[in-house]
N, C-alpha and C. Protein backbone atom coordinates (compact mmCIF):
# COMPACT_ATOMS: atom_id res chain seq x y z
N UNK A 1 212.57 112.44 -70.71
CA UNK A 1 211.79 110.88 -70.29
C UNK A 1 210.68 111.01 -70.82
N UNK A 2 209.68 110.06 -70.72
CA UNK A 2 208.21 109.62 -71.79
C UNK A 2 207.18 110.56 -71.20
N UNK A 3 206.27 111.00 -71.52
CA UNK A 3 205.38 111.48 -71.10
C UNK A 3 204.51 110.57 -70.02
N UNK A 4 204.65 109.34 -70.87
CA UNK A 4 203.25 108.10 -70.42
C UNK A 4 204.20 107.10 -70.24
N UNK A 5 202.95 106.58 -68.96
CA UNK A 5 203.64 105.16 -69.06
C UNK A 5 203.57 104.13 -69.31
N UNK A 6 204.96 103.79 -69.74
CA UNK A 6 205.17 102.37 -70.85
C UNK A 6 204.01 101.28 -71.03
N UNK A 7 202.69 101.05 -69.97
CA UNK A 7 201.90 100.20 -70.40
C UNK A 7 200.87 101.16 -70.76
N UNK A 8 200.70 101.86 -70.96
CA UNK A 8 199.95 103.45 -71.29
C UNK A 8 200.33 103.14 -73.01
N UNK A 9 200.91 102.47 -73.68
CA UNK A 9 201.45 102.81 -74.59
C UNK A 9 200.71 101.75 -75.47
N UNK A 10 200.78 100.60 -74.83
CA UNK A 10 200.05 100.18 -75.25
C UNK A 10 198.26 99.88 -75.11
N UNK A 11 197.72 99.10 -76.68
CA UNK A 11 196.16 99.22 -76.75
C UNK A 11 195.47 99.20 -75.31
N UNK A 12 195.84 97.85 -75.00
CA UNK A 12 194.73 97.65 -73.45
C UNK A 12 195.32 98.27 -72.32
N UNK A 13 195.92 99.06 -72.54
CA UNK A 13 196.67 99.14 -71.43
C UNK A 13 197.09 98.33 -69.92
N UNK A 14 197.59 98.89 -68.84
CA UNK A 14 198.08 97.45 -68.10
C UNK A 14 197.42 96.34 -67.29
N UNK A 15 195.84 96.32 -67.92
CA UNK A 15 195.23 95.73 -67.62
C UNK A 15 194.94 94.53 -68.15
N UNK A 16 195.36 95.07 -69.61
CA UNK A 16 195.28 93.91 -70.74
C UNK A 16 196.60 93.34 -71.03
N UNK A 17 197.49 93.79 -70.25
CA UNK A 17 199.38 93.52 -70.41
C UNK A 17 199.39 92.08 -69.22
N UNK A 18 198.26 92.58 -68.21
CA UNK A 18 198.31 91.47 -67.14
C UNK A 18 197.33 90.38 -67.65
N UNK A 19 196.44 90.22 -68.36
CA UNK A 19 195.40 89.17 -68.99
C UNK A 19 197.30 88.90 -70.03
N UNK A 20 197.04 89.36 -70.62
CA UNK A 20 198.46 88.24 -71.58
C UNK A 20 199.35 87.29 -71.04
N UNK A 21 199.79 88.94 -69.29
CA UNK A 21 201.30 87.94 -68.81
C UNK A 21 200.06 86.98 -67.95
N UNK A 22 199.03 86.88 -67.77
CA UNK A 22 198.56 85.53 -67.30
C UNK A 22 198.61 84.24 -67.86
N UNK A 23 198.30 84.24 -69.00
CA UNK A 23 198.16 83.25 -69.81
C UNK A 23 199.39 83.35 -70.60
N UNK A 24 200.54 83.46 -70.29
CA UNK A 24 201.79 82.95 -70.49
C UNK A 24 202.39 82.33 -69.35
N UNK A 25 201.93 82.80 -68.33
CA UNK A 25 202.47 81.70 -67.09
C UNK A 25 201.86 80.76 -66.19
N UNK A 26 200.31 81.10 -66.88
CA UNK A 26 199.02 80.12 -66.52
C UNK A 26 199.81 78.37 -66.80
N UNK A 27 199.91 77.34 -66.57
CA UNK A 27 200.75 75.85 -66.26
C UNK A 27 202.37 75.96 -66.35
N UNK A 28 202.93 77.18 -66.19
CA UNK A 28 204.32 76.74 -66.34
C UNK A 28 204.92 76.56 -64.27
N UNK A 29 205.69 75.90 -64.73
CA UNK A 29 206.49 75.55 -63.54
C UNK A 29 207.77 76.30 -63.31
N UNK A 30 207.49 77.28 -62.61
CA UNK A 30 208.57 78.47 -62.20
C UNK A 30 208.65 79.29 -61.36
N UNK A 31 209.68 80.06 -60.67
CA UNK A 31 209.10 81.11 -59.73
C UNK A 31 208.73 82.02 -60.25
N UNK A 32 208.90 82.28 -61.21
CA UNK A 32 208.47 83.52 -61.84
C UNK A 32 206.82 83.11 -61.79
N UNK A 33 206.11 82.11 -62.03
CA UNK A 33 204.72 81.79 -61.92
C UNK A 33 203.77 82.43 -60.78
N UNK A 34 205.27 82.08 -59.23
CA UNK A 34 204.57 81.90 -58.35
C UNK A 34 204.52 83.94 -57.84
N UNK A 35 205.96 84.38 -58.44
CA UNK A 35 205.50 85.63 -57.99
C UNK A 35 204.58 86.88 -59.24
N UNK A 36 204.54 85.64 -59.91
CA UNK A 36 203.88 87.20 -61.05
C UNK A 36 202.22 86.59 -60.34
N UNK A 37 202.11 85.24 -59.51
CA UNK A 37 200.63 84.97 -59.35
C UNK A 37 200.48 85.67 -57.87
N UNK A 38 201.71 85.97 -56.92
CA UNK A 38 201.07 86.38 -56.62
C UNK A 38 200.96 88.19 -56.46
N UNK A 39 201.89 88.52 -57.12
CA UNK A 39 201.34 89.98 -57.26
C UNK A 39 200.22 90.20 -57.73
N UNK A 40 199.74 88.92 -58.83
CA UNK A 40 198.10 89.11 -59.49
C UNK A 40 197.07 89.19 -58.17
N UNK A 41 197.48 88.69 -57.42
CA UNK A 41 196.43 88.55 -56.42
C UNK A 41 196.29 90.12 -55.55
N UNK A 42 197.36 90.46 -55.26
CA UNK A 42 198.11 91.18 -54.66
C UNK A 42 197.46 92.90 -54.84
N UNK A 43 197.18 92.68 -56.41
CA UNK A 43 196.96 93.95 -56.81
C UNK A 43 195.87 93.75 -57.85
N UNK A 44 194.77 93.02 -57.36
CA UNK A 44 193.55 92.16 -58.32
C UNK A 44 192.50 93.23 -58.70
N UNK A 45 192.40 94.42 -57.33
CA UNK A 45 191.67 95.73 -57.66
C UNK A 45 191.72 96.39 -58.56
N UNK A 46 192.96 96.09 -59.27
CA UNK A 46 194.18 97.64 -59.80
C UNK A 46 193.56 97.19 -61.53
N UNK A 47 193.25 95.92 -61.55
CA UNK A 47 193.47 95.02 -62.94
C UNK A 47 191.68 95.91 -63.87
N UNK A 48 191.32 95.90 -64.69
CA UNK A 48 190.21 96.84 -64.69
C UNK A 48 188.83 95.53 -65.42
N UNK A 49 187.96 95.21 -64.97
CA UNK A 49 186.52 94.46 -64.78
C UNK A 49 186.16 93.49 -65.52
N UNK A 50 186.78 93.59 -66.82
CA UNK A 50 187.09 92.89 -68.24
C UNK A 50 187.70 91.70 -68.01
N UNK A 51 189.37 92.24 -68.09
CA UNK A 51 189.97 91.11 -67.75
C UNK A 51 190.06 90.59 -66.37
N UNK A 52 189.62 91.31 -65.07
CA UNK A 52 189.41 90.34 -64.25
C UNK A 52 188.50 89.34 -64.53
N UNK A 53 187.59 89.27 -65.10
CA UNK A 53 186.18 88.60 -65.37
C UNK A 53 186.79 87.38 -66.34
N UNK A 54 188.01 87.86 -67.22
CA UNK A 54 188.37 86.77 -68.59
C UNK A 54 189.85 85.84 -67.54
N UNK A 55 190.25 86.79 -66.99
CA UNK A 55 191.49 85.79 -66.50
C UNK A 55 190.16 84.62 -64.75
N UNK A 56 189.00 85.12 -64.33
CA UNK A 56 188.65 84.38 -63.39
C UNK A 56 188.03 83.51 -64.27
N UNK A 57 187.00 83.37 -65.67
CA UNK A 57 186.69 82.46 -66.12
C UNK A 57 187.68 81.46 -66.68
N UNK A 58 188.95 81.90 -67.19
CA UNK A 58 190.56 80.71 -67.73
C UNK A 58 190.94 80.20 -66.37
N UNK A 59 191.12 81.06 -65.61
CA UNK A 59 191.83 80.39 -64.16
C UNK A 59 190.72 78.92 -63.54
N UNK A 60 189.42 79.18 -63.42
CA UNK A 60 188.59 78.35 -62.71
C UNK A 60 188.75 77.41 -63.69
N UNK A 61 188.08 77.36 -65.29
CA UNK A 61 188.78 76.05 -65.90
C UNK A 61 189.91 75.29 -65.95
N UNK A 62 190.98 76.32 -65.43
CA UNK A 62 192.38 75.64 -65.37
C UNK A 62 191.88 74.68 -64.13
N UNK A 63 191.16 75.22 -63.40
CA UNK A 63 191.41 74.82 -61.66
C UNK A 63 191.02 73.22 -62.43
N UNK A 64 189.56 73.30 -62.71
CA UNK A 64 189.07 72.21 -63.20
C UNK A 64 189.85 70.67 -63.71
N UNK A 65 190.03 71.80 -65.02
CA UNK A 65 191.13 70.62 -65.82
C UNK A 65 192.22 70.34 -64.73
N UNK A 66 192.98 71.16 -64.09
CA UNK A 66 193.96 70.32 -63.14
C UNK A 66 193.93 69.05 -62.28
N UNK A 67 192.37 69.64 -61.51
CA UNK A 67 191.63 68.30 -60.69
C UNK A 67 190.94 67.26 -60.99
N UNK A 68 190.77 67.66 -62.54
CA UNK A 68 190.35 66.07 -63.52
C UNK A 68 191.81 65.25 -63.17
N UNK A 69 192.70 66.42 -64.00
CA UNK A 69 194.11 65.24 -64.23
C UNK A 69 194.77 64.79 -63.28
N UNK A 70 194.77 65.48 -61.89
CA UNK A 70 195.29 65.11 -60.47
C UNK A 70 194.83 63.53 -60.18
N UNK A 71 192.57 63.94 -60.63
CA UNK A 71 192.25 62.99 -60.07
C UNK A 71 193.17 60.88 -60.80
N UNK A 72 193.41 61.26 -61.60
CA UNK A 72 193.83 60.04 -62.67
C UNK A 72 195.25 59.97 -63.11
N UNK A 73 196.10 59.89 -61.90
CA UNK A 73 197.24 59.70 -62.31
C UNK A 73 198.72 59.24 -62.96
N UNK A 74 197.50 58.73 -63.85
CA UNK A 74 198.40 57.93 -65.08
C UNK A 74 198.30 58.44 -66.16
N UNK A 75 197.87 59.83 -66.63
CA UNK A 75 197.43 60.21 -67.54
C UNK A 75 198.67 60.21 -68.79
N UNK A 76 198.79 60.97 -69.75
CA UNK A 76 199.54 60.22 -70.57
C UNK A 76 200.39 61.47 -70.88
N UNK A 77 200.58 62.47 -69.67
CA UNK A 77 201.60 62.93 -68.84
C UNK A 77 201.57 63.52 -68.18
N UNK A 78 201.86 62.52 -67.24
CA UNK A 78 202.37 63.03 -65.83
C UNK A 78 202.87 63.84 -65.46
N UNK A 79 203.88 64.64 -65.78
CA UNK A 79 204.96 65.61 -65.34
C UNK A 79 204.30 66.58 -65.64
N UNK A 80 202.90 67.21 -66.56
CA UNK A 80 202.27 68.25 -67.16
C UNK A 80 201.08 67.99 -66.04
N UNK A 81 200.84 69.58 -65.33
CA UNK A 81 199.24 69.68 -64.87
C UNK A 81 198.74 71.24 -65.18
N UNK A 82 198.06 71.08 -65.73
CA UNK A 82 197.47 72.77 -66.12
C UNK A 82 197.64 74.17 -65.59
N UNK A 83 197.56 73.52 -63.97
CA UNK A 83 197.93 74.86 -63.26
C UNK A 83 199.41 75.06 -62.27
N UNK A 84 200.72 73.55 -63.27
CA UNK A 84 201.65 73.12 -62.64
C UNK A 84 201.91 72.65 -61.22
N UNK A 85 203.12 73.11 -61.14
CA UNK A 85 203.37 72.07 -60.06
C UNK A 85 202.38 72.18 -58.84
N UNK A 86 202.46 71.46 -57.67
CA UNK A 86 202.34 72.10 -56.76
C UNK A 86 202.52 73.23 -55.92
N UNK A 87 203.40 73.55 -56.15
CA UNK A 87 203.69 74.91 -55.84
C UNK A 87 203.13 76.10 -56.51
N UNK A 88 202.68 75.88 -57.71
CA UNK A 88 202.51 76.65 -58.25
C UNK A 88 201.11 77.13 -58.44
N UNK A 89 200.16 75.94 -57.93
CA UNK A 89 198.69 75.59 -58.15
C UNK A 89 198.57 76.77 -56.29
N UNK A 90 199.61 76.48 -55.44
CA UNK A 90 198.96 77.47 -54.06
C UNK A 90 199.33 78.52 -54.92
N UNK A 91 199.93 79.18 -55.35
CA UNK A 91 200.23 80.27 -56.09
C UNK A 91 198.83 81.02 -56.23
N UNK A 92 198.18 80.01 -57.74
CA UNK A 92 197.28 80.62 -58.47
C UNK A 92 196.27 80.25 -57.43
N UNK A 93 196.17 79.85 -55.76
CA UNK A 93 195.12 79.86 -55.26
C UNK A 93 194.81 81.08 -54.20
N UNK A 94 195.60 82.06 -54.26
CA UNK A 94 195.58 83.48 -53.63
C UNK A 94 195.03 84.57 -55.17
N UNK A 95 195.50 83.68 -55.94
CA UNK A 95 194.36 84.72 -57.08
C UNK A 95 192.77 84.23 -57.26
N UNK A 96 192.88 83.06 -56.88
CA UNK A 96 191.44 82.43 -56.75
C UNK A 96 190.53 83.18 -55.37
N UNK A 97 191.33 83.27 -53.95
CA UNK A 97 191.21 84.66 -53.61
C UNK A 97 190.94 85.69 -53.27
N UNK A 98 191.29 86.19 -53.83
CA UNK A 98 191.60 88.01 -54.31
C UNK A 98 190.85 88.00 -55.07
N UNK A 99 190.09 87.15 -56.08
CA UNK A 99 188.88 87.16 -56.80
C UNK A 99 187.23 86.90 -56.10
N UNK A 100 187.58 85.88 -55.19
CA UNK A 100 185.80 85.58 -54.08
C UNK A 100 186.00 86.79 -52.94
N UNK A 101 187.09 87.73 -52.96
CA UNK A 101 186.66 88.11 -51.84
C UNK A 101 186.45 90.02 -52.25
N UNK A 102 186.53 90.10 -53.73
CA UNK A 102 186.14 91.24 -54.39
C UNK A 102 184.71 91.02 -54.34
N UNK A 103 184.34 92.32 -54.16
CA UNK A 103 182.54 92.46 -54.23
C UNK A 103 182.14 92.35 -55.57
């Protein structure tokens, strides 16, 4: 049995793994995206401050870009949106609520 948690074996620990997972899921359109975003929101305060700030900054940028694309429905890639489909965007909103609720 290993003496350390698997996440502890990575140089940045669990928070950094969460950050890289966030980058992977952002913009994807799968049920896994919603599951990840819901877990991220639920565990927001467990992530270190550095990675919370990175996620918040990148997610806010994705929301701005997503809003722009949704405002112009005749974009060159109408099926692609920075936050994924509507259901994915709703799940990312849960993450926003989590960081806005954090003092």
